[in-house]
Amino acid sequence: MQNTKFVFFNAEEAQVKLTVEDSVVGYADTADGLVELLLRANVGATDTIMHSSDVDFASEEGFATDSCAHALIDTALEAAGLA
């Protein structure tokens, strides 16, 4: 059985917050910044990756549109080889 970490994304104040195993890793407002956080936290392909509903309603958290946070997360996951 593989060990997996619980990886969670939130949208807060026009940034994406990354939490791994209930510890906040950091905040990023660019895909490159989020990739750095994912690498720092050693997030792997077998980890459980989820997001809060505030990512779905990112415009309420300061993003230009509701899809902006998803786009940032998706781009970062792809760049980090996790998508």
C-alpha atoms as a PDB file:
ATOM      1  CA  MET A   1       0.000   0.000   0.000  1.00  0.00           C
ATOM      2  CA  GLN A   2       1.302   3.426  -0.953  1.00  0.00           C
ATOM      3  CA  ASN A   3       1.384   6.210   1.567  1.00  0.00           C
ATOM      4  CA  THR A   4      -0.542   9.229   0.365  1.00  0.00           C
ATOM      5  CA  LYS A   5      -0.753  12.718   1.712  1.00  0.00           C
ATOM      6  CA  PHE A   6      -3.919  14.801   1.780  1.00  0.00           C
ATOM      7  CA  VAL A   7      -3.345  17.905  -0.372  1.00  0.00           C
ATOM      8  CA  PHE A   8      -5.923  20.695  -0.257  1.00  0.00           C
ATOM      9  CA  PHE A   9      -6.330  23.945  -2.195  1.00  0.00           C
ATOM     10  CA  ASN A  10      -8.283  27.032  -1.127  1.00  0.00           C
ATOM     11  CA  ALA A  11      -8.851  30.405  -2.800  1.00  0.00           C
ATOM     12  CA  GLU A  12      -8.155  33.301  -0.439  1.00  0.00           C
ATOM     13  CA  GLU A  13      -7.621  36.975  -1.225  1.00  0.00           C
ATOM     14  CA  ALA A  14      -6.707  36.370  -4.889  1.00  0.00           C
ATOM     15  CA  GLN A  15      -4.219  33.638  -3.994  1.00  0.00           C
ATOM     16  CA  VAL A  16      -4.298  29.868  -3.844  1.00  0.00           C
ATOM     17  CA  LYS A  17      -3.514  28.431  -0.424  1.00  0.00           C
ATOM     18  CA  LEU A  18      -1.842  25.005  -0.340  1.00  0.00           C
ATOM     19  CA  THR A  19      -2.348  22.829   2.722  1.00  0.00           C
ATOM     20  CA  VAL A  20      -0.743  19.399   3.068  1.00  0.00           C
ATOM     21  CA  GLU A  21      -1.712  17.108   5.935  1.00  0.00           C
ATOM     22  CA  ASP A  22      -3.389  19.984   7.812  1.00  0.00           C
ATOM     23  CA  SER A  23      -0.272  22.183   7.622  1.00  0.00           C
ATOM     24  CA  VAL A  24      -0.368  25.326   5.507  1.00  0.00           C
ATOM     25  CA  VAL A  25       2.540  25.204   3.050  1.00  0.00           C
ATOM     26  CA  GLY A  26       1.958  28.677   1.655  1.00  0.00           C
ATOM     27  CA  TYR A  27       0.103  30.947  -0.747  1.00  0.00           C
ATOM     28  CA  ALA A  28       0.717  31.644  -4.435  1.00  0.00           C
ATOM     29  CA  ASP A  29      -0.797  33.944  -7.028  1.00  0.00           C
ATOM     30  CA  THR A  30       1.029  32.424 -10.012  1.00  0.00           C
ATOM     31  CA  ALA A  31       1.320  28.895 -11.362  1.00  0.00           C
ATOM     32  CA  ASP A  32       5.118  29.017 -10.951  1.00  0.00           C
ATOM     33  CA  GLY A  33       4.733  30.014  -7.311  1.00  0.00           C
ATOM     34  CA  LEU A  34       2.294  27.189  -6.741  1.00  0.00           C
ATOM     35  CA  VAL A  35       4.675  24.706  -8.412  1.00  0.00           C
ATOM     36  CA  GLU A  36       7.377  25.799  -5.956  1.00  0.00           C
ATOM     37  CA  LEU A  37       5.013  25.145  -3.052  1.00  0.00           C
ATOM     38  CA  LEU A  38       4.053  21.717  -4.419  1.00  0.00           C
ATOM     39  CA  LEU A  39       7.712  20.774  -4.810  1.00  0.00           C
ATOM     40  CA  ARG A  40       8.586  22.108  -1.357  1.00  0.00           C
ATOM     41  CA  ALA A  41       5.818  19.955   0.134  1.00  0.00           C
ATOM     42  CA  ASN A  42       6.975  16.926  -1.878  1.00  0.00           C
ATOM     43  CA  VAL A  43       3.495  16.404  -3.332  1.00  0.00           C
ATOM     44  CA  GLY A  44       3.419  13.266  -5.460  1.00  0.00           C
ATOM     45  CA  ALA A  45       1.182  11.616  -8.025  1.00  0.00           C
ATOM     46  CA  THR A  46      -0.275   9.191  -5.469  1.00  0.00           C
ATOM     47  CA  ASP A  47      -1.353  11.926  -3.072  1.00  0.00           C
ATOM     48  CA  THR A  48      -5.029  12.784  -2.626  1.00  0.00           C
ATOM     49  CA  ILE A  49      -5.604  16.223  -4.157  1.00  0.00           C
ATOM     50  CA  MET A  50      -8.808  18.161  -3.449  1.00  0.00           C
ATOM     51  CA  HIS A  51     -10.046  21.726  -3.324  1.00  0.00           C
ATOM     52  CA  SER A  52     -12.556  23.746  -1.360  1.00  0.00           C
ATOM     53  CA  SER A  53     -15.705  25.207  -2.873  1.00  0.00           C
ATOM     54  CA  ASP A  54     -14.111  28.653  -2.647  1.00  0.00           C
ATOM     55  CA  VAL A  55     -11.960  27.587  -5.620  1.00  0.00           C
ATOM     56  CA  ASP A  56     -15.215  27.142  -7.581  1.00  0.00           C
ATOM     57  CA  PHE A  57     -16.332  30.646  -6.575  1.00  0.00           C
ATOM     58  CA  ALA A  58     -12.928  32.315  -6.823  1.00  0.00           C
ATOM     59  CA  SER A  59     -14.340  35.675  -7.908  1.00  0.00           C
ATOM     60  CA  GLU A  60     -15.745  36.011  -4.381  1.00  0.00           C
ATOM     61  CA  GLU A  61     -12.169  35.625  -3.119  1.00  0.00           C
ATOM     62  CA  GLY A  62     -10.632  38.366  -5.252  1.00  0.00           C
ATOM     63  CA  PHE A  63      -9.904  36.493  -8.492  1.00  0.00           C
ATOM     64  CA  ALA A  64     -10.997  38.073 -11.784  1.00  0.00           C
ATOM     65  CA  THR A  65     -13.329  35.162 -12.611  1.00  0.00           C
ATOM     66  CA  ASP A  66     -14.527  31.958 -10.969  1.00  0.00           C
ATOM     67  CA  SER A  67     -12.311  29.910 -13.311  1.00  0.00           C
ATOM     68  CA  CYS A  68      -9.042  31.717 -12.492  1.00  0.00           C
ATOM     69  CA  ALA A  69      -8.157  29.670  -9.408  1.00  0.00           C
ATOM     70  CA  HIS A  70      -8.901  26.405 -11.222  1.00  0.00           C
ATOM     71  CA  ALA A  71      -6.720  27.494 -14.132  1.00  0.00           C
ATOM     72  CA  LEU A  72      -3.847  28.381 -11.808  1.00  0.00           C
ATOM     73  CA  ILE A  73      -4.108  25.031  -9.980  1.00  0.00           C
ATOM     74  CA  ASP A  74      -4.445  23.019 -13.200  1.00  0.00           C
ATOM     75  CA  THR A  75      -1.442  24.734 -14.786  1.00  0.00           C
ATOM     76  CA  ALA A  76       0.675  24.179 -11.673  1.00  0.00           C
ATOM     77  CA  LEU A  77      -0.309  20.506 -11.358  1.00  0.00           C
ATOM     78  CA  GLU A  78       0.550  19.936 -15.020  1.00  0.00           C
ATOM     79  CA  ALA A  79       3.888  21.766 -14.717  1.00  0.00           C
ATOM     80  CA  ALA A  80       4.758  19.733 -11.624  1.00  0.00           C
ATOM     81  CA  GLY A  81       3.928  16.487 -13.439  1.00  0.00           C
ATOM     82  CA  LEU A  82       0.934  15.734 -11.224  1.00  0.00           C
ATOM     83  CA  ALA A  83      -1.880  16.003 -13.792  1.00  0.00           C
END
